[in-house]
Amino acid sequence: GQTVEFEKTDGKKGPQASNVIPK
């Protein structure tokens, strides 16, 4: 997969999850 940084809706950075916002 691609090395893309995601930010969870709680404001913490983490892996791709059900609730994420691609930066």
PDB file of N, CA and C in Angstrom:
ATOM      1  N   GLY A   1       0.824  -1.209   0.000  1.00  0.00           N
ATOM      2  CA  GLY A   1       0.000   0.000   0.000  1.00  0.00           C
ATOM      3  C   GLY A   1       0.856   1.255   0.000  1.00  0.00           C
ATOM      4  N   GLN A   2       0.191   2.384  -0.108  1.00  0.00           N
ATOM      5  CA  GLN A   2       0.913   3.657  -0.118  1.00  0.00           C
ATOM      6  C   GLN A   2       1.234   4.114   1.295  1.00  0.00           C
ATOM      7  N   THR A   3       2.320   4.839   1.412  1.00  0.00           N
ATOM      8  CA  THR A   3       2.693   5.379   2.719  1.00  0.00           C
ATOM      9  C   THR A   3       2.011   6.732   2.883  1.00  0.00           C
ATOM     10  N   VAL A   4       0.756   6.690   3.294  1.00  0.00           N
ATOM     11  CA  VAL A   4      -0.028   7.910   3.453  1.00  0.00           C
ATOM     12  C   VAL A   4      -0.336   8.103   4.923  1.00  0.00           C
ATOM     13  N   GLU A   5      -0.161   9.326   5.383  1.00  0.00           N
ATOM     14  CA  GLU A   5      -0.400   9.608   6.798  1.00  0.00           C
ATOM     15  C   GLU A   5      -1.874   9.957   7.000  1.00  0.00           C
ATOM     16  N   PHE A   6      -2.501   9.285   7.942  1.00  0.00           N
ATOM     17  CA  PHE A   6      -3.907   9.525   8.230  1.00  0.00           C
ATOM     18  C   PHE A   6      -4.050  10.110   9.622  1.00  0.00           C
ATOM     19  N   GLU A   7      -5.077  10.940   9.761  1.00  0.00           N
ATOM     20  CA  GLU A   7      -5.352  11.523  11.069  1.00  0.00           C
ATOM     21  C   GLU A   7      -6.735  11.079  11.513  1.00  0.00           C
ATOM     22  N   LYS A   8      -6.788  10.412  12.663  1.00  0.00           N
ATOM     23  CA  LYS A   8      -8.070   9.938  13.173  1.00  0.00           C
ATOM     24  C   LYS A   8      -8.937  11.121  13.585  1.00  0.00           C
ATOM     25  N   THR A   9     -10.248  10.881  13.657  1.00  0.00           N
ATOM     26  CA  THR A   9     -11.180  11.948  14.000  1.00  0.00           C
ATOM     27  C   THR A   9     -10.951  12.445  15.421  1.00  0.00           C
ATOM     28  N   ASP A  10     -10.255  11.643  16.240  1.00  0.00           N
ATOM     29  CA  ASP A  10      -9.990  12.060  17.618  1.00  0.00           C
ATOM     30  C   ASP A  10      -8.781  12.992  17.682  1.00  0.00           C
ATOM     31  N   GLY A  11      -8.135  13.212  16.516  1.00  0.00           N
ATOM     32  CA  GLY A  11      -7.015  14.138  16.460  1.00  0.00           C
ATOM     33  C   GLY A  11      -5.668  13.456  16.587  1.00  0.00           C
ATOM     34  N   LYS A  12      -5.671  12.126  16.732  1.00  0.00           N
ATOM     35  CA  LYS A  12      -4.410  11.396  16.859  1.00  0.00           C
ATOM     36  C   LYS A  12      -4.077  10.718  15.539  1.00  0.00           C
ATOM     37  N   LYS A  13      -2.797  10.698  15.217  1.00  0.00           N
ATOM     38  CA  LYS A  13      -2.363  10.063  13.981  1.00  0.00           C
ATOM     39  C   LYS A  13      -2.345   8.555  14.159  1.00  0.00           C
ATOM     40  N   GLY A  14      -2.773   7.850  13.128  1.00  0.00           N
ATOM     41  CA  GLY A  14      -2.785   6.399  13.203  1.00  0.00           C
ATOM     42  C   GLY A  14      -2.991   5.787  11.828  1.00  0.00           C
ATOM     43  N   PRO A  15      -3.033   4.481  11.758  1.00  0.00           N
ATOM     44  CA  PRO A  15      -3.228   3.775  10.492  1.00  0.00           C
ATOM     45  C   PRO A  15      -4.650   3.963   9.973  1.00  0.00           C
ATOM     46  N   GLN A  16      -4.855   3.562   8.748  1.00  0.00           N
ATOM     47  CA  GLN A  16      -6.174   3.716   8.133  1.00  0.00           C
ATOM     48  C   GLN A  16      -7.217   2.939   8.936  1.00  0.00           C
ATOM     49  N   ALA A  17      -8.284   3.628   9.300  1.00  0.00           N
ATOM     50  CA  ALA A  17      -9.339   2.997  10.095  1.00  0.00           C
ATOM     51  C   ALA A  17     -10.696   3.423   9.554  1.00  0.00           C
ATOM     52  N   SER A  18     -11.764   3.002  10.233  1.00  0.00           N
ATOM     53  CA  SER A  18     -13.112   3.313   9.771  1.00  0.00           C
ATOM     54  C   SER A  18     -13.376   4.814   9.825  1.00  0.00           C
ATOM     55  N   ASN A  19     -12.715   5.508  10.749  1.00  0.00           N
ATOM     56  CA  ASN A  19     -12.902   6.950  10.874  1.00  0.00           C
ATOM     57  C   ASN A  19     -11.558   7.652  10.745  1.00  0.00           C
ATOM     58  N   VAL A  20     -11.228   8.036   9.497  1.00  0.00           N
ATOM     59  CA  VAL A  20      -9.960   8.715   9.260  1.00  0.00           C
ATOM     60  C   VAL A  20     -10.150   9.810   8.225  1.00  0.00           C
ATOM     61  N   ILE A  21      -9.268  10.792   8.278  1.00  0.00           N
ATOM     62  CA  ILE A  21      -9.296  11.871   7.294  1.00  0.00           C
ATOM     63  C   ILE A  21      -7.931  11.913   6.611  1.00  0.00           C
ATOM     64  N   PRO A  22      -7.871  11.583   5.315  1.00  0.00           N
ATOM     65  CA  PRO A  22      -6.587  11.599   4.610  1.00  0.00           C
ATOM     66  C   PRO A  22      -6.024  13.002   4.538  1.00  0.00           C
ATOM     67  N   LYS A  23      -4.775  13.162   4.945  1.00  0.00           N
ATOM     68  CA  LYS A  23      -4.145  14.476   4.941  1.00  0.00           C
ATOM     69  C   LYS A  23      -3.478  14.710   3.590  1.00  0.00           C
TER      70      LYS A  23
END
